[in-house]
Amino acid sequence: MSSAPTPLQRLLDLSHQLGREDRRLAILGEGNTSVRLSDQTFLVKASGSNLGGLTATGVTECRFADLLALLDARRLDDAAIDEKLLAARVDPAARKPSVEAMFHAWLLTLPGVNFVGHTHPVEVNKILCTPLARKFAQRRLCPDEIVCCGAESVLVPYVDPGLQLAQAIRRAVLAFIKRTARPPRVILLENHGLIALGGTPEAVLATSLMTVKAAEVFTGAHLLGRPRALTRAQVARIAGRPDEHYRQQALGLR
């Protein structure tokens, strides 16, 4: 009997799935992934690595505490942030973690979140680079989008990638949790990309792919005429149905 895959193996498989060129979610060094190992450490893609061809040498284990402390920093220049990223490594010989490791660290502390996948999907960014980004985040056009992505997504206005982005994500997600009493499954970054959260790599992949499909439907609906979004009552009905909860469990989304 084969042994269960390790967290590293699961992270590499997720990265390869998200980095497939035919999916157009990320190219070259775009995007990053992470997995929580314990309450103390997590693995995150190293800076400059390629998701589609990611290997163990392109992944770095980091300490949560070192990076979470940065989120309360008032002002740090780029050199100081680089020093902090390097200091957060468990193995001093490992590669520098992605500058976005800071938001991965915080998101992995949310209830039920063990994996995070950040990509730059072409179809999603077509919307996130327009004034329609908030509408895309807040409204749903199809039931399966609700099942895989939640009743709505978090939208974060564009800020400089790095510490400022991590702080902006924390503010937006905390406001979402205060309003909805649950963590989001999808975070949309204006003029930047997509973050999918999940308890499993399968959940992160499903959420990422469904967000891309939803973006294609959204764009197509606008090209053909005025889109007809589901009502708030219809969205709530789908989100609360026991059969949909069963489907979520079967798909690894719960």
Protein backbone atom coordinates (compact mmCIF):
# COMPACT_ATOMS: atom_id res chain seq x y z
CA MET A 1 0.00 0.00 0.00
CA SER A 2 1.38 3.40 -0.95
CA SER A 3 1.77 5.99 1.78
CA ALA A 4 -0.26 9.19 1.86
CA PRO A 5 1.35 12.13 0.06
CA THR A 6 3.27 14.57 2.24
CA PRO A 7 2.27 18.24 2.52
CA LEU A 8 5.19 19.07 0.22
CA GLN A 9 4.02 16.57 -2.41
CA ARG A 10 0.48 17.94 -2.23
CA LEU A 11 1.78 21.50 -2.59
CA LEU A 12 3.90 20.59 -5.60
CA ASP A 13 0.97 18.84 -7.28
CA LEU A 14 -1.30 21.85 -6.68
CA SER A 15 1.38 24.15 -8.06
CA HIS A 16 1.76 22.05 -11.20
CA GLN A 17 -2.01 22.04 -11.73
CA LEU A 18 -2.25 25.81 -11.33
CA GLY A 19 0.82 26.36 -13.49
CA ARG A 20 -0.35 24.39 -16.51
CA GLU A 21 0.19 26.61 -19.55
CA ASP A 22 -3.10 25.61 -21.17
CA ARG A 23 -5.03 26.97 -18.19
CA ARG A 24 -3.48 30.44 -18.53
CA LEU A 25 -3.46 31.04 -14.80
CA ALA A 26 0.24 31.84 -14.46
CA ILE A 27 3.35 31.93 -16.64
CA LEU A 28 7.07 32.30 -15.95
CA GLY A 29 7.50 33.24 -12.26
CA GLU A 30 3.90 34.38 -11.74
CA GLY A 31 1.84 33.23 -8.79
CA ASN A 32 2.66 31.36 -5.61
CA THR A 33 1.31 28.61 -3.38
CA SER A 34 1.60 27.61 0.25
CA VAL A 35 0.64 24.92 2.77
CA ARG A 36 0.47 25.03 6.56
CA LEU A 37 2.75 22.46 8.22
CA SER A 38 2.03 23.28 11.87
CA ASP A 39 1.14 26.19 14.10
CA GLN A 40 4.75 27.31 13.77
CA THR A 41 5.75 26.88 10.12
CA PHE A 42 4.48 26.70 6.54
CA LEU A 43 5.87 26.02 3.08
CA VAL A 44 5.69 28.68 0.37
CA LYS A 45 6.94 28.96 -3.20
CA ALA A 46 10.32 30.66 -3.37
CA SER A 47 10.82 33.90 -5.27
CA GLY A 48 11.37 33.39 -8.99
CA SER A 49 10.21 29.76 -9.07
CA ASN A 50 7.82 28.55 -11.76
CA LEU A 51 4.54 27.00 -10.62
CA GLY A 52 4.27 24.61 -13.54
CA GLY A 53 7.72 23.11 -12.97
CA LEU A 54 8.04 23.66 -9.22
CA THR A 55 10.35 21.26 -7.37
CA ALA A 56 11.23 20.84 -3.71
CA THR A 57 14.20 23.18 -4.12
CA GLY A 58 11.80 25.94 -5.19
CA VAL A 59 9.88 25.76 -1.91
CA THR A 60 10.91 27.37 1.38
CA GLU A 61 9.78 26.60 4.92
CA CYS A 62 9.08 29.77 6.92
CA ARG A 63 8.14 30.63 10.48
CA PHE A 64 4.70 32.17 10.89
CA ALA A 65 5.69 34.42 13.79
CA ASP A 66 8.45 36.22 11.89
CA LEU A 67 6.17 37.16 8.98
CA LEU A 68 2.99 37.85 10.94
CA ALA A 69 4.90 40.43 12.99
CA LEU A 70 5.59 42.36 9.78
CA LEU A 71 1.89 43.04 9.23
CA ASP A 72 1.88 45.55 12.09
CA ALA A 73 4.93 47.39 10.81
CA ARG A 74 4.34 51.05 9.96
CA ARG A 75 7.13 51.61 7.48
CA LEU A 76 9.76 49.27 6.12
CA ASP A 77 11.78 49.85 2.98
CA ASP A 78 12.32 47.10 0.41
CA ALA A 79 15.74 46.17 1.77
CA ALA A 80 14.39 45.76 5.30
CA ILE A 81 11.53 43.56 4.04
CA ASP A 82 14.01 41.38 2.15
CA GLU A 83 16.01 40.94 5.36
CA LYS A 84 12.87 39.92 7.24
CA LEU A 85 11.88 37.42 4.54
CA LEU A 86 15.31 35.84 4.67
CA ALA A 87 15.27 35.74 8.48
CA ALA A 88 11.92 33.90 8.44
CA ARG A 89 13.45 30.85 6.73
CA VAL A 90 13.79 27.73 8.86
CA ASP A 91 16.81 26.70 6.78
CA PRO A 92 19.16 29.67 6.27
CA ALA A 93 20.41 28.04 3.06
CA ALA A 94 16.95 27.87 1.48
CA ARG A 95 15.91 30.25 -1.26
CA LYS A 96 14.27 33.56 -0.42
CA PRO A 97 10.50 33.14 -0.05
CA SER A 98 8.19 35.08 -2.33
CA VAL A 99 7.55 38.64 -1.19
CA GLU A 100 3.90 37.58 -1.03
CA ALA A 101 4.75 35.05 1.68
CA MET A 102 3.50 37.67 4.13
CA PHE A 103 -0.11 37.38 3.02
CA HIS A 104 0.21 33.59 2.75
CA ALA A 105 1.32 33.48 6.38
CA TRP A 106 -1.73 35.41 7.56
CA LEU A 107 -4.27 33.61 5.36
CA LEU A 108 -3.02 30.21 6.58
CA THR A 109 -4.02 31.19 10.13
CA LEU A 110 -7.71 31.45 9.12
CA PRO A 111 -10.03 28.63 10.28
CA GLY A 112 -10.10 25.72 7.84
CA VAL A 113 -7.41 27.14 5.55
CA ASN A 114 -4.51 24.77 4.97
CA PHE A 115 -3.63 25.65 1.37
CA VAL A 116 -3.45 28.94 -0.54
CA GLY A 117 -3.07 29.38 -4.30
CA HIS A 118 -2.37 32.76 -5.86
CA THR A 119 -2.49 33.10 -9.65
CA HIS A 120 -2.87 35.76 -12.37
CA PRO A 121 -5.59 34.25 -14.62
CA VAL A 122 -6.01 36.03 -17.94
CA GLU A 123 -9.82 35.83 -17.94
CA VAL A 124 -10.11 37.06 -14.36
CA ASN A 125 -7.67 39.92 -14.87
CA LYS A 126 -9.64 41.10 -17.89
CA ILE A 127 -12.33 42.03 -15.36
CA LEU A 128 -10.07 43.09 -12.48
CA CYS A 129 -8.50 45.71 -14.73
CA THR A 130 -11.89 47.40 -15.28
CA PRO A 131 -14.48 49.25 -13.15
CA LEU A 132 -16.57 46.05 -13.21
CA ALA A 133 -14.29 44.29 -10.70
CA ARG A 134 -16.50 44.99 -7.68
CA LYS A 135 -19.62 43.78 -9.47
CA PHE A 136 -17.84 40.55 -10.38
CA ALA A 137 -16.80 40.06 -6.76
CA GLN A 138 -20.21 40.72 -5.25
CA ARG A 139 -22.71 39.13 -7.67
CA ARG A 140 -23.15 35.54 -8.83
CA LEU A 141 -24.47 34.39 -12.20
CA CYS A 142 -24.54 30.59 -11.78
CA PRO A 143 -25.18 28.13 -8.90
CA ASP A 144 -21.86 26.27 -9.29
CA GLU A 145 -19.99 29.52 -8.73
CA ILE A 146 -21.69 29.76 -5.33
CA VAL A 147 -20.86 26.13 -4.50
CA CYS A 148 -17.16 26.47 -5.34
CA CYS A 149 -16.44 30.14 -4.66
CA GLY A 150 -18.93 31.17 -1.99
CA ALA A 151 -21.78 33.66 -2.08
CA GLU A 152 -19.37 36.50 -2.80
CA SER A 153 -15.67 37.26 -3.01
CA VAL A 154 -13.40 39.75 -1.28
CA LEU A 155 -12.16 42.56 -3.51
CA VAL A 156 -8.92 44.34 -2.59
CA PRO A 157 -8.17 47.67 -4.35
CA TYR A 158 -4.79 47.80 -6.04
CA VAL A 159 -1.81 48.43 -3.78
CA ASP A 160 1.90 47.79 -4.19
CA PRO A 161 2.70 44.04 -3.94
CA GLY A 162 4.51 43.09 -0.76
CA LEU A 163 3.86 44.41 2.74
CA GLN A 164 1.23 46.95 1.71
CA LEU A 165 -0.71 44.26 -0.14
CA ALA A 166 -0.55 41.86 2.80
CA GLN A 167 -1.89 44.57 5.10
CA ALA A 168 -4.66 45.48 2.65
CA ILE A 169 -5.68 41.83 2.31
CA ARG A 170 -5.87 41.47 6.09
CA ARG A 171 -8.09 44.55 6.40
CA ALA A 172 -10.43 43.44 3.63
CA VAL A 173 -10.72 39.84 4.84
CA LEU A 174 -11.33 40.86 8.45
CA ALA A 175 -14.12 43.18 7.29
CA PHE A 176 -15.60 40.32 5.23
CA ILE A 177 -15.49 37.93 8.20
CA LYS A 178 -17.09 40.52 10.48
CA ARG A 179 -19.93 40.95 7.99
CA THR A 180 -20.46 37.32 6.94
CA ALA A 181 -19.14 35.34 9.95
CA ARG A 182 -17.00 33.14 7.69
CA PRO A 183 -13.68 33.33 5.85
CA PRO A 184 -13.84 33.87 2.08
CA ARG A 185 -12.92 31.27 -0.49
CA VAL A 186 -11.86 33.83 -3.08
CA ILE A 187 -9.92 37.07 -2.80
CA LEU A 188 -9.71 39.22 -5.92
CA LEU A 189 -6.89 41.74 -6.27
CA GLU A 190 -7.57 44.66 -8.58
CA ASN A 191 -5.15 44.85 -11.53
CA HIS A 192 -3.33 41.83 -10.13
CA GLY A 193 -5.00 38.45 -9.73
CA LEU A 194 -6.76 35.77 -7.72
CA ILE A 195 -6.20 34.13 -4.35
CA ALA A 196 -8.04 30.87 -3.61
CA LEU A 197 -8.24 29.46 -0.07
CA GLY A 198 -9.04 25.91 0.96
CA GLY A 199 -8.62 23.09 3.40
CA THR A 200 -7.23 20.88 0.64
CA PRO A 201 -5.31 21.40 -2.61
CA GLU A 202 -8.36 20.05 -4.45
CA ALA A 203 -10.48 22.85 -3.00
CA VAL A 204 -7.98 25.52 -4.05
CA LEU A 205 -7.80 24.12 -7.59
CA ALA A 206 -11.60 23.80 -7.92
CA THR A 207 -12.13 27.33 -6.64
CA SER A 208 -9.49 28.74 -8.97
CA LEU A 209 -10.90 27.00 -12.05
CA MET A 210 -14.49 27.92 -11.20
CA THR A 211 -13.49 31.57 -10.75
CA VAL A 212 -11.99 31.50 -14.23
CA LYS A 213 -15.17 29.96 -15.65
CA ALA A 214 -17.26 32.57 -13.83
CA ALA A 215 -15.09 35.30 -15.33
CA GLU A 216 -15.64 33.94 -18.83
CA VAL A 217 -19.41 33.80 -18.27
CA PHE A 218 -19.40 37.32 -16.77
CA THR A 219 -17.47 38.76 -19.71
CA GLY A 220 -19.59 36.93 -22.27
CA ALA A 221 -22.83 38.03 -20.62
CA HIS A 222 -21.72 41.66 -20.76
CA LEU A 223 -20.80 41.33 -24.43
CA LEU A 224 -24.23 39.87 -25.27
CA GLY A 225 -26.28 42.30 -23.25
CA ARG A 226 -27.17 43.17 -19.68
CA PRO A 227 -26.21 40.24 -17.40
CA ARG A 228 -28.96 38.79 -15.20
CA ALA A 229 -27.37 38.03 -11.84
CA LEU A 230 -28.96 35.72 -9.29
CA THR A 231 -30.89 37.53 -6.58
CA ARG A 232 -29.60 37.66 -3.01
CA ALA A 233 -32.37 35.25 -2.00
CA GLN A 234 -31.42 32.80 -4.75
CA VAL A 235 -27.76 32.96 -3.75
CA ALA A 236 -28.62 32.37 -0.09
CA ARG A 237 -30.82 29.42 -1.06
CA ILE A 238 -28.01 27.72 -3.02
CA ALA A 239 -25.47 28.45 -0.30
CA GLY A 240 -27.69 26.88 2.36
CA ARG A 241 -28.99 23.77 0.58
CA PRO A 242 -27.97 20.44 2.23
CA ASP A 243 -27.50 18.76 -1.16
CA GLU A 244 -25.06 21.46 -2.18
CA HIS A 245 -23.20 20.98 1.10
CA TYR A 246 -22.96 17.28 0.25
CA ARG A 247 -21.54 18.15 -3.16
CA GLN A 248 -19.02 20.46 -1.52
CA GLN A 249 -17.87 17.61 0.72
CA ALA A 250 -17.62 15.24 -2.24
CA LEU A 251 -15.51 17.79 -4.11
CA GLY A 252 -13.26 18.40 -1.09
CA LEU A 253 -14.54 21.95 -0.63
CA ARG A 254 -15.70 21.49 2.97
